[in-house]
N, C-alpha and C. Protein backbone atom coordinates (compact mmCIF):
# COMPACT_ATOMS: atom_id res chain seq x y z
N MET A 1 0.82 -1.18 0.00
CA MET A 1 0.00 0.00 0.00
C MET A 1 0.87 1.26 0.00
N ARG A 2 1.88 1.31 0.88
CA ARG A 2 2.75 2.50 0.96
C ARG A 2 3.62 2.64 -0.28
N VAL A 3 4.10 1.53 -0.81
CA VAL A 3 4.95 1.59 -2.00
C VAL A 3 4.19 2.25 -3.14
N LYS A 4 2.94 1.85 -3.35
CA LYS A 4 2.12 2.47 -4.40
C LYS A 4 1.97 3.96 -4.14
N GLN A 5 1.78 4.31 -2.89
CA GLN A 5 1.63 5.72 -2.51
C GLN A 5 2.91 6.49 -2.84
N TYR A 6 4.08 5.95 -2.47
CA TYR A 6 5.35 6.64 -2.72
C TYR A 6 5.70 6.71 -4.20
N LEU A 7 5.31 5.71 -4.98
CA LEU A 7 5.54 5.76 -6.42
C LEU A 7 4.72 6.87 -7.07
N LYS A 8 3.55 7.12 -6.52
CA LYS A 8 2.66 8.16 -7.05
C LYS A 8 3.08 9.55 -6.54
N ASN A 9 3.48 9.62 -5.27
CA ASN A 9 3.85 10.89 -4.65
C ASN A 9 4.97 10.59 -3.64
N PRO A 10 6.20 10.99 -3.92
CA PRO A 10 7.33 10.61 -3.07
C PRO A 10 7.48 11.41 -1.76
N LYS A 11 6.61 12.38 -1.52
CA LYS A 11 6.72 13.15 -0.27
C LYS A 11 6.48 12.23 0.92
N ALA A 12 7.32 12.40 1.96
CA ALA A 12 7.22 11.53 3.13
C ALA A 12 7.73 12.25 4.37
N SER A 13 7.36 11.71 5.52
CA SER A 13 7.89 12.23 6.78
C SER A 13 8.08 11.06 7.74
N ILE A 14 8.98 11.27 8.69
CA ILE A 14 9.25 10.28 9.73
C ILE A 14 9.23 11.03 11.05
N TYR A 15 8.62 10.42 12.07
CA TYR A 15 8.51 11.08 13.37
C TYR A 15 9.12 10.20 14.45
N PHE A 16 9.96 10.79 15.28
CA PHE A 16 10.55 10.11 16.43
C PHE A 16 10.09 10.83 17.68
N TYR A 17 9.79 10.06 18.73
CA TYR A 17 9.31 10.66 19.97
C TYR A 17 10.01 9.99 21.15
N ASP A 18 10.51 10.79 22.06
CA ASP A 18 11.17 10.29 23.27
C ASP A 18 10.28 10.61 24.47
N THR A 19 9.60 9.58 24.99
CA THR A 19 8.67 9.79 26.10
C THR A 19 9.40 10.18 27.38
N ARG A 20 10.61 9.72 27.53
CA ARG A 20 11.37 10.00 28.75
C ARG A 20 11.68 11.49 28.90
N PHE A 21 12.05 12.13 27.79
CA PHE A 21 12.42 13.55 27.84
C PHE A 21 11.37 14.46 27.19
N PHE A 22 10.24 13.88 26.75
CA PHE A 22 9.14 14.63 26.14
C PHE A 22 9.65 15.49 24.98
N LYS A 23 10.34 14.82 24.05
CA LYS A 23 10.89 15.48 22.86
C LYS A 23 10.37 14.76 21.62
N GLY A 24 10.22 15.52 20.55
CA GLY A 24 9.79 14.94 19.28
C GLY A 24 10.60 15.51 18.14
N LEU A 25 10.79 14.70 17.12
CA LEU A 25 11.54 15.11 15.95
C LEU A 25 10.81 14.60 14.71
N MET A 26 10.46 15.52 13.82
CA MET A 26 9.86 15.15 12.55
C MET A 26 10.82 15.52 11.43
N LEU A 27 11.10 14.56 10.57
CA LEU A 27 11.92 14.80 9.39
C LEU A 27 11.02 14.72 8.17
N LYS A 28 11.14 15.70 7.28
CA LYS A 28 10.34 15.74 6.06
C LYS A 28 11.26 15.63 4.86
N GLY A 29 10.80 14.90 3.85
CA GLY A 29 11.62 14.73 2.65
C GLY A 29 10.93 13.88 1.63
N THR A 30 11.70 12.99 1.00
CA THR A 30 11.16 12.13 -0.04
C THR A 30 11.53 10.67 0.22
N MET A 31 10.67 9.80 -0.27
CA MET A 31 10.88 8.36 -0.16
C MET A 31 11.06 7.80 -1.57
N GLU A 32 12.16 7.11 -1.78
CA GLU A 32 12.45 6.52 -3.08
C GLU A 32 12.26 5.00 -2.96
N VAL A 33 11.61 4.41 -3.94
CA VAL A 33 11.40 2.96 -3.98
C VAL A 33 12.50 2.36 -4.84
N LEU A 34 13.39 1.58 -4.21
CA LEU A 34 14.51 0.95 -4.91
C LEU A 34 14.20 -0.52 -5.14
N GLN A 35 14.28 -0.93 -6.41
CA GLN A 35 13.94 -2.31 -6.73
C GLN A 35 15.05 -3.05 -7.46
N ASP A 36 16.21 -2.41 -7.64
CA ASP A 36 17.28 -3.09 -8.36
C ASP A 36 17.90 -4.17 -7.46
N GLN A 37 18.29 -5.27 -8.07
CA GLN A 37 18.72 -6.45 -7.32
C GLN A 37 19.94 -6.23 -6.42
N PRO A 38 20.98 -5.50 -6.84
CA PRO A 38 22.12 -5.32 -5.93
C PRO A 38 21.73 -4.64 -4.60
N ILE A 39 20.82 -3.69 -4.64
CA ILE A 39 20.35 -3.03 -3.41
C ILE A 39 19.57 -4.03 -2.57
N ARG A 40 18.68 -4.78 -3.20
CA ARG A 40 17.88 -5.78 -2.48
C ARG A 40 18.79 -6.82 -1.84
N ASP A 41 19.85 -7.25 -2.56
CA ASP A 41 20.80 -8.22 -2.02
C ASP A 41 21.50 -7.68 -0.77
N ARG A 42 21.85 -6.40 -0.81
CA ARG A 42 22.59 -5.80 0.31
C ARG A 42 21.76 -5.71 1.59
N ILE A 43 20.46 -5.49 1.46
CA ILE A 43 19.58 -5.32 2.62
C ILE A 43 19.04 -6.64 3.16
N TRP A 44 18.87 -7.62 2.30
CA TRP A 44 18.26 -8.90 2.66
C TRP A 44 18.99 -9.57 3.82
N ARG A 45 18.24 -10.10 4.77
CA ARG A 45 18.78 -10.84 5.92
C ARG A 45 18.10 -12.19 6.04
N GLU A 46 18.82 -13.14 6.58
CA GLU A 46 18.25 -14.46 6.82
C GLU A 46 17.01 -14.30 7.70
N GLY A 47 15.95 -14.97 7.32
CA GLY A 47 14.69 -14.86 8.05
C GLY A 47 13.68 -13.95 7.35
N ASP A 48 14.15 -13.12 6.41
CA ASP A 48 13.24 -12.22 5.70
C ASP A 48 12.21 -12.99 4.85
N GLU A 49 12.52 -14.25 4.56
CA GLU A 49 11.57 -15.03 3.78
C GLU A 49 10.26 -15.25 4.55
N MET A 50 10.28 -14.98 5.84
CA MET A 50 9.05 -15.04 6.63
C MET A 50 8.05 -14.00 6.11
N TYR A 51 8.57 -12.86 5.65
CA TYR A 51 7.73 -11.78 5.13
C TYR A 51 7.59 -11.85 3.61
N TYR A 52 8.60 -12.39 2.94
CA TYR A 52 8.62 -12.50 1.48
C TYR A 52 8.87 -13.96 1.11
N PRO A 53 7.82 -14.77 1.05
CA PRO A 53 7.96 -16.21 0.86
C PRO A 53 8.68 -16.63 -0.42
N LEU A 54 8.69 -15.76 -1.43
CA LEU A 54 9.38 -16.11 -2.68
C LEU A 54 10.87 -15.78 -2.61
N GLY A 55 11.31 -15.31 -1.47
CA GLY A 55 12.73 -15.04 -1.27
C GLY A 55 13.16 -13.68 -1.78
N ILE A 56 14.46 -13.56 -1.98
CA ILE A 56 15.07 -12.28 -2.34
C ILE A 56 14.59 -11.72 -3.68
N THR A 57 14.05 -12.57 -4.54
CA THR A 57 13.54 -12.10 -5.83
C THR A 57 12.02 -11.89 -5.81
N ASP A 58 11.41 -11.98 -4.64
CA ASP A 58 9.97 -11.74 -4.50
C ASP A 58 9.62 -10.37 -5.08
N PRO A 59 8.67 -10.30 -6.00
CA PRO A 59 8.33 -9.02 -6.61
C PRO A 59 7.78 -7.99 -5.61
N ASP A 60 7.30 -8.45 -4.46
CA ASP A 60 6.80 -7.53 -3.43
C ASP A 60 7.92 -6.94 -2.58
N TYR A 61 9.13 -7.49 -2.69
CA TYR A 61 10.26 -7.04 -1.89
C TYR A 61 10.95 -5.86 -2.57
N CYS A 62 11.10 -4.77 -1.84
CA CYS A 62 11.82 -3.60 -2.34
C CYS A 62 12.46 -2.89 -1.14
N VAL A 63 13.23 -1.88 -1.40
CA VAL A 63 13.90 -1.11 -0.36
C VAL A 63 13.39 0.31 -0.46
N LEU A 64 13.03 0.89 0.69
CA LEU A 64 12.61 2.29 0.73
C LEU A 64 13.76 3.14 1.24
N LYS A 65 14.08 4.19 0.49
CA LYS A 65 15.18 5.09 0.85
C LYS A 65 14.61 6.47 1.15
N PHE A 66 14.72 6.89 2.41
CA PHE A 66 14.21 8.19 2.83
C PHE A 66 15.35 9.20 2.80
N THR A 67 15.10 10.36 2.19
CA THR A 67 16.06 11.45 2.16
C THR A 67 15.41 12.66 2.80
N ALA A 68 15.94 13.09 3.94
CA ALA A 68 15.38 14.23 4.66
C ALA A 68 15.85 15.54 4.03
N VAL A 69 14.94 16.52 4.01
CA VAL A 69 15.23 17.84 3.48
C VAL A 69 15.20 18.88 4.59
N ASN A 70 14.23 18.74 5.48
CA ASN A 70 14.12 19.64 6.63
C ASN A 70 13.43 18.91 7.76
N GLY A 71 13.34 19.58 8.88
CA GLY A 71 12.73 18.95 10.04
C GLY A 71 12.13 19.94 11.00
N ARG A 72 11.50 19.38 12.02
CA ARG A 72 10.90 20.18 13.08
C ARG A 72 11.16 19.46 14.39
N MET A 73 11.68 20.18 15.36
CA MET A 73 12.02 19.62 16.67
C MET A 73 11.09 20.21 17.71
N TYR A 74 10.63 19.36 18.62
CA TYR A 74 9.82 19.83 19.74
C TYR A 74 10.54 19.44 21.03
N GLU A 75 10.80 20.44 21.86
CA GLU A 75 11.40 20.18 23.17
C GLU A 75 11.16 21.39 24.07
N ASN A 76 11.11 21.16 25.36
CA ASN A 76 10.90 22.23 26.34
C ASN A 76 9.69 23.10 25.99
N PHE A 77 8.62 22.46 25.51
CA PHE A 77 7.35 23.13 25.17
C PHE A 77 7.48 24.14 24.05
N HIS A 78 8.48 23.98 23.19
CA HIS A 78 8.67 24.84 22.03
C HIS A 78 9.02 24.00 20.82
N SER A 79 8.69 24.53 19.65
CA SER A 79 9.02 23.87 18.38
C SER A 79 9.88 24.80 17.55
N TYR A 80 10.76 24.22 16.77
CA TYR A 80 11.53 25.01 15.81
C TYR A 80 11.82 24.17 14.58
N ASP A 81 11.88 24.86 13.44
CA ASP A 81 12.16 24.23 12.16
C ASP A 81 13.64 24.36 11.84
N PHE A 82 14.15 23.43 11.04
CA PHE A 82 15.54 23.49 10.60
C PHE A 82 15.66 22.83 9.24
N LYS A 83 16.68 23.22 8.51
CA LYS A 83 17.00 22.65 7.20
C LYS A 83 18.15 21.66 7.36
N ILE A 84 18.18 20.69 6.49
CA ILE A 84 19.24 19.68 6.54
C ILE A 84 20.17 19.88 5.36
């Protein structure tokens, strides 16, 4: 579902939250869908066949590459934006 979404529109964000220190970090950028075999070979680990029964050549198996462009940090009850 997400792969189809990223192929249509590569905009993406990732959010990290630290409950211990009440801090949050959002990174905004693009998600690239990588399907070439050398990349898939490099990421593949033993046991992944549990998720991709056809193995490393499973057509559903791909690698997502996130590239951040900017972000937003929340800490001490304040937010600020930054560029990467």
